[in-house]
């Protein structure tokens, strides 16, 4: 890969964009941030100020592709990446016949032309097409984990205990099911109890799927399995898990979490695993090839 002269960061919600900025500042890489009004945490501006590094920020609507490209080209961006979630429900609102058409700030001409050419109107197709438009401008699009390698888990047991016999059974049953579900583009996460799927994640997100499973299981212990896609596109939609979900685990009696090693970002990984151990939760890094 050619050296990064200036990084263009498309920032969604959550704190992962903050981690990218921290690492970019540590490496002395200049950054142009495109912050999505509907998603990016507003405190990102204070965070940028605190870093005292070469970082500019531009706020725009979700469908303003032309404006994004103008900002990147004007500021000499050579490489770009996406980091942070953009909610699927934000892109595809109920009752909307086309992605982004429901937004307060309507898509610009560049985005409208892009959407008109999509054969499939799903999130992966839309984001993939956006990446294609950015690369047409001579900007290399890099993996979303490029500045966050330290947040990727290894294979094996990552916390203080291994799985119990019942958890092993749920894991052996659930992993092939989870991989088949993600292959069909239905969701990254399933929740398993007594070798039965209690819930499958859809647009509501991981935490909401776990809460739904807990209601159905009447508070009994649960196993959560979160996997990556076959041949996971590492430039976007990489599975993410973070500290906020640990409180959901506690409230919903989740005792085991299985995630793909090397293909899942754990926000504040060291603290996450320490807290999971303190809650007696077994966290396992799966081989993505199994």
Protein backbone atom coordinates (compact mmCIF):
# COMPACT_ATOMS: atom_id res chain seq x y z
CA UNK A 1 0.00 0.00 0.00
CA UNK A 2 1.23 3.50 -0.86
CA UNK A 3 1.99 5.74 2.13
CA UNK A 4 -1.05 7.62 3.46
CA UNK A 5 -0.57 11.32 2.76
CA UNK A 6 -3.97 12.21 4.22
CA UNK A 7 -6.69 9.90 5.54
CA UNK A 8 -10.38 10.51 4.83
CA UNK A 9 -12.45 9.13 7.71
CA UNK A 10 -16.20 8.64 7.20
CA UNK A 11 -17.41 8.58 10.81
CA UNK A 12 -20.58 6.81 11.92
CA UNK A 13 -21.85 6.54 15.48
CA UNK A 14 -20.09 5.08 18.49
CA UNK A 15 -16.56 5.68 19.77
CA UNK A 16 -14.57 3.65 17.22
CA UNK A 17 -13.95 6.77 15.07
CA UNK A 18 -12.37 8.33 18.18
CA UNK A 19 -9.98 5.37 18.44
CA UNK A 20 -9.00 5.77 14.78
CA UNK A 21 -8.27 9.46 15.36
CA UNK A 22 -6.15 8.62 18.41
CA UNK A 23 -4.05 6.16 16.43
CA UNK A 24 -3.78 8.47 13.41
CA UNK A 25 -2.53 11.25 15.69
CA UNK A 26 -0.02 8.85 17.27
CA UNK A 27 1.27 7.95 13.79
CA UNK A 28 1.21 11.64 12.69
CA UNK A 29 -1.22 10.89 9.85
CA UNK A 30 -3.32 13.94 8.83
CA UNK A 31 -7.08 13.27 8.73
CA UNK A 32 -10.14 14.76 7.06
CA UNK A 33 -13.27 13.64 8.94
CA UNK A 34 -16.67 13.51 7.27
CA UNK A 35 -19.13 13.39 10.16
CA UNK A 36 -22.67 12.16 9.42
CA UNK A 37 -25.21 14.49 11.05
CA UNK A 38 -27.68 11.66 11.62
CA UNK A 39 -25.10 9.39 13.28
CA UNK A 40 -21.75 10.81 14.42
CA UNK A 41 -21.44 11.65 18.12
CA UNK A 42 -21.18 15.47 18.45
CA UNK A 43 -18.41 15.16 21.07
CA UNK A 44 -16.07 14.13 18.27
CA UNK A 45 -15.31 17.86 17.79
CA UNK A 46 -13.96 18.21 21.35
CA UNK A 47 -11.99 15.00 20.90
CA UNK A 48 -10.38 16.37 17.73
CA UNK A 49 -9.45 19.60 19.53
CA UNK A 50 -7.85 17.65 22.36
CA UNK A 51 -5.54 15.76 19.98
CA UNK A 52 -3.85 18.93 18.66
CA UNK A 53 -3.14 17.18 15.38
CA UNK A 54 -3.77 17.93 11.68
CA UNK A 55 -7.46 16.95 11.65
CA UNK A 56 -10.29 18.78 9.89
CA UNK A 57 -13.98 17.93 10.21
CA UNK A 58 -16.95 18.48 7.89
CA UNK A 59 -20.57 17.77 8.91
CA UNK A 60 -22.98 16.56 6.24
CA UNK A 61 -26.12 14.53 5.67
CA UNK A 62 -26.05 10.79 5.06
CA UNK A 63 -26.90 11.04 1.35
CA UNK A 64 -24.54 13.88 0.39
CA UNK A 65 -22.02 11.84 -1.61
CA UNK A 66 -21.01 14.71 -3.89
CA UNK A 67 -20.13 16.92 -0.91
CA UNK A 68 -18.06 14.12 0.63
CA UNK A 69 -16.03 13.71 -2.55
CA UNK A 70 -15.52 17.47 -2.87
CA UNK A 71 -14.15 17.68 0.68
CA UNK A 72 -11.84 14.72 0.15
CA UNK A 73 -10.44 16.04 -3.15
CA UNK A 74 -10.04 19.63 -1.91
CA UNK A 75 -8.04 18.50 1.12
CA UNK A 76 -5.80 16.04 -0.73
CA UNK A 77 -7.13 12.79 0.75
CA UNK A 78 -5.18 9.81 -0.64
CA UNK A 79 -6.78 6.99 1.39
CA UNK A 80 -10.24 6.65 2.92
CA UNK A 81 -11.98 4.41 5.41
CA UNK A 82 -15.34 4.01 7.15
CA UNK A 83 -15.59 3.57 10.88
CA UNK A 84 -18.58 3.54 13.20
CA UNK A 85 -22.07 2.24 12.68
CA UNK A 86 -24.68 3.69 10.39
CA UNK A 87 -27.92 2.05 11.49
CA UNK A 88 -29.55 -0.12 8.83
CA UNK A 89 -32.90 1.29 9.89
CA UNK A 90 -31.53 4.77 9.22
CA UNK A 91 -30.74 3.83 5.61
CA UNK A 92 -33.90 1.81 4.99
CA UNK A 93 -36.75 3.42 6.90
CA UNK A 94 -40.12 1.60 7.04
CA UNK A 95 -42.32 2.58 4.12
CA UNK A 96 -39.41 3.97 2.07
CA UNK A 97 -39.20 2.46 -1.40
CA UNK A 98 -35.58 3.43 -1.89
CA UNK A 99 -32.60 3.83 0.46
CA UNK A 100 -32.01 7.34 1.86
CA UNK A 101 -35.14 8.85 0.24
CA UNK A 102 -36.81 9.43 3.63
CA UNK A 103 -34.02 11.62 5.04
CA UNK A 104 -34.60 15.26 5.98
CA UNK A 105 -31.65 16.23 3.78
CA UNK A 106 -32.41 14.44 0.52
CA UNK A 107 -29.62 12.64 -1.37
CA UNK A 108 -27.63 14.83 -3.76
CA UNK A 109 -27.35 14.19 -7.51
CA UNK A 110 -24.25 11.99 -7.20
CA UNK A 111 -26.00 9.76 -4.65
CA UNK A 112 -29.24 9.61 -6.69
CA UNK A 113 -27.33 8.47 -9.79
CA UNK A 114 -25.50 5.86 -7.72
CA UNK A 115 -28.74 4.46 -6.24
CA UNK A 116 -30.41 4.34 -9.64
CA UNK A 117 -27.70 1.98 -10.83
CA UNK A 118 -27.95 -0.47 -7.94
CA UNK A 119 -29.23 -3.93 -8.86
CA UNK A 120 -29.80 -4.81 -5.20
CA UNK A 121 -31.01 -2.21 -2.69
CA UNK A 122 -29.36 -3.67 0.42
CA UNK A 123 -26.79 -2.11 2.73
CA UNK A 124 -23.81 -4.04 1.38
CA UNK A 125 -24.60 -3.08 -2.21
CA UNK A 126 -25.10 0.57 -1.28
CA UNK A 127 -21.90 0.90 0.73
CA UNK A 128 -19.95 -1.06 -1.86
CA UNK A 129 -21.17 1.35 -4.53
CA UNK A 130 -20.14 4.36 -2.41
CA UNK A 131 -16.66 2.87 -2.06
CA UNK A 132 -16.56 2.41 -5.83
CA UNK A 133 -17.38 6.11 -6.36
CA UNK A 134 -14.62 7.15 -3.96
CA UNK A 135 -12.08 4.93 -5.71
CA UNK A 136 -13.06 6.42 -9.09
CA UNK A 137 -11.61 9.67 -7.76
CA UNK A 138 -8.22 7.99 -7.26
CA UNK A 139 -8.63 7.57 -3.50
CA UNK A 140 -7.66 4.14 -2.14
CA UNK A 141 -10.23 2.67 0.25
CA UNK A 142 -8.58 0.76 3.10
CA UNK A 143 -9.78 -1.79 5.65
CA UNK A 144 -11.78 -0.36 8.53
CA UNK A 145 -9.43 -2.20 10.92
CA UNK A 146 -6.28 -0.58 9.50
CA UNK A 147 -5.72 1.66 12.54
CA UNK A 148 -7.32 -0.71 15.06
CA UNK A 149 -5.41 -3.98 14.77
CA UNK A 150 -4.95 -4.09 18.55
CA UNK A 151 -8.74 -4.41 18.99
CA UNK A 152 -8.97 -7.67 17.01
CA UNK A 153 -9.25 -10.84 19.16
CA UNK A 154 -7.11 -13.97 18.93
CA UNK A 155 -8.49 -17.50 18.64
CA UNK A 156 -9.38 -19.50 21.73
CA UNK A 157 -10.70 -18.69 25.19
CA UNK A 158 -10.14 -14.98 25.89
CA UNK A 159 -11.47 -14.72 29.45
CA UNK A 160 -10.96 -16.44 32.79
CA UNK A 161 -12.87 -19.66 32.14
CA UNK A 162 -13.66 -22.03 29.33
CA UNK A 163 -17.16 -23.10 28.29
CA UNK A 164 -19.23 -25.46 30.42
CA UNK A 165 -20.52 -28.74 28.96
CA UNK A 166 -23.92 -27.19 28.16
CA UNK A 167 -22.27 -24.12 26.62
CA UNK A 168 -20.08 -26.38 24.48
CA UNK A 169 -23.21 -28.08 23.16
CA UNK A 170 -24.85 -24.73 22.35
CA UNK A 171 -21.65 -23.56 20.68
CA UNK A 172 -21.28 -26.69 18.55
CA UNK A 173 -24.90 -26.41 17.50
CA UNK A 174 -25.00 -22.65 17.03
CA UNK A 175 -21.84 -21.82 15.07
CA UNK A 176 -22.88 -23.64 11.85
CA UNK A 177 -26.34 -22.10 12.13
CA UNK A 178 -24.88 -18.60 12.58
CA UNK A 179 -22.62 -19.07 9.55
CA UNK A 180 -25.55 -20.16 7.40
CA UNK A 181 -27.65 -17.20 8.54
CA UNK A 182 -24.90 -14.68 7.78
CA UNK A 183 -24.34 -16.35 4.41
CA UNK A 184 -27.97 -15.51 3.61
CA UNK A 185 -27.36 -11.90 4.71
CA UNK A 186 -29.91 -12.10 7.54
CA UNK A 187 -27.82 -10.95 10.53
CA UNK A 188 -24.48 -11.32 12.30
CA UNK A 189 -25.76 -12.58 15.64
CA UNK A 190 -27.84 -15.45 16.96
CA UNK A 191 -28.80 -16.28 20.55
CA UNK A 192 -28.92 -19.95 21.56
CA UNK A 193 -30.41 -21.81 24.53
CA UNK A 194 -30.43 -25.62 24.97
CA UNK A 195 -29.36 -26.16 21.33
CA UNK A 196 -32.17 -24.07 19.92
CA UNK A 197 -32.03 -20.63 18.29
CA UNK A 198 -33.99 -18.22 20.46
CA UNK A 199 -33.38 -15.06 18.42
CA UNK A 200 -31.73 -13.92 15.19
CA UNK A 201 -30.44 -10.36 14.87
CA UNK A 202 -32.14 -8.28 12.20
CA UNK A 203 -32.18 -4.49 11.74
CA UNK A 204 -32.74 -3.89 15.46
CA UNK A 205 -29.08 -4.63 16.33
CA UNK A 206 -27.28 -7.04 18.63
CA UNK A 207 -28.40 -5.65 22.00
CA UNK A 208 -32.09 -5.59 21.04
CA UNK A 209 -31.88 -9.17 19.74
CA UNK A 210 -30.36 -10.32 23.03
CA UNK A 211 -33.08 -8.59 25.06
CA UNK A 212 -35.74 -10.22 22.89
CA UNK A 213 -34.12 -13.62 23.44
CA UNK A 214 -34.00 -13.05 27.20
CA UNK A 215 -37.73 -12.32 27.27
CA UNK A 216 -38.43 -15.51 25.33
CA UNK A 217 -36.11 -17.57 27.56
CA UNK A 218 -37.62 -16.10 30.75
CA UNK A 219 -34.22 -15.05 32.07
CA UNK A 220 -32.44 -18.40 31.67
CA UNK A 221 -28.76 -18.43 30.65
CA UNK A 222 -27.97 -17.71 26.99
CA UNK A 223 -25.15 -18.16 24.50
CA UNK A 224 -24.49 -15.36 21.99
CA UNK A 225 -22.71 -16.12 18.71
CA UNK A 226 -21.63 -13.21 16.48
CA UNK A 227 -19.88 -14.08 13.22
CA UNK A 228 -18.45 -12.42 10.13
CA UNK A 229 -19.52 -13.02 6.55
CA UNK A 230 -17.83 -15.63 4.36
CA UNK A 231 -14.95 -13.75 2.72
CA UNK A 232 -15.76 -10.82 5.01
CA UNK A 233 -15.36 -7.42 3.32
CA UNK A 234 -13.01 -5.79 5.84
CA UNK A 235 -13.61 -2.30 4.47
CA UNK A 236 -17.08 -2.09 6.05
CA UNK A 237 -19.64 -3.89 8.21
CA UNK A 238 -17.00 -5.65 10.29
CA UNK A 239 -18.67 -7.11 13.42
CA UNK A 240 -18.23 -4.93 16.52
CA UNK A 241 -18.83 -5.61 20.19
CA UNK A 242 -18.29 -3.17 23.05
CA UNK A 243 -18.58 -2.43 26.77
CA UNK A 244 -22.21 -1.27 26.57
CA UNK A 245 -23.21 -4.78 25.55
CA UNK A 246 -21.73 -6.23 28.76
CA UNK A 247 -24.50 -4.58 30.79
CA UNK A 248 -27.01 -6.20 28.42
CA UNK A 249 -25.27 -9.55 29.00
CA UNK A 250 -25.58 -9.07 32.76
CA UNK A 251 -29.25 -8.14 32.63
CA UNK A 252 -30.08 -10.94 30.18
CA UNK A 253 -27.98 -13.70 31.78
CA UNK A 254 -25.64 -14.24 28.82
CA UNK A 255 -22.87 -16.59 29.95
CA UNK A 256 -20.96 -17.17 26.70
CA UNK A 257 -19.99 -14.95 23.77
CA UNK A 258 -18.39 -16.40 20.65
CA UNK A 259 -16.90 -14.05 18.03
CA UNK A 260 -14.67 -14.48 14.99
CA UNK A 261 -10.97 -14.04 15.71
CA UNK A 262 -9.26 -11.42 13.58
CA UNK A 263 -12.57 -10.23 12.09
CA UNK A 264 -14.35 -8.66 15.06
CA UNK A 265 -13.53 -5.32 16.67
CA UNK A 266 -13.77 -5.28 20.47
CA UNK A 267 -14.07 -1.69 21.68
CA UNK A 268 -11.69 -1.15 24.61
CA UNK A 269 -10.69 -4.80 24.23
CA UNK A 270 -8.56 -5.14 27.36
CA UNK A 271 -11.18 -3.62 29.67
CA UNK A 272 -13.97 -5.51 27.90
CA UNK A 273 -12.32 -8.87 28.51
CA UNK A 274 -11.46 -8.02 32.13
CA UNK A 275 -15.06 -7.01 32.83
CA UNK A 276 -16.39 -10.11 31.05
CA UNK A 277 -14.15 -12.28 33.25
CA UNK A 278 -15.41 -10.46 36.34
CA UNK A 279 -18.98 -11.26 35.23
CA UNK A 280 -17.99 -14.93 34.76
CA UNK A 281 -18.71 -14.71 31.02
CA UNK A 282 -16.75 -17.01 28.75
CA UNK A 283 -15.57 -15.18 25.58
CA UNK A 284 -14.22 -17.31 22.77
CA UNK A 285 -12.45 -16.30 19.56
CA UNK A 286 -13.58 -18.61 16.76
CA UNK A 287 -11.59 -19.56 13.70
CA UNK A 288 -13.42 -17.76 10.86
CA UNK A 289 -12.75 -20.75 8.61
CA UNK A 290 -14.70 -23.17 10.84
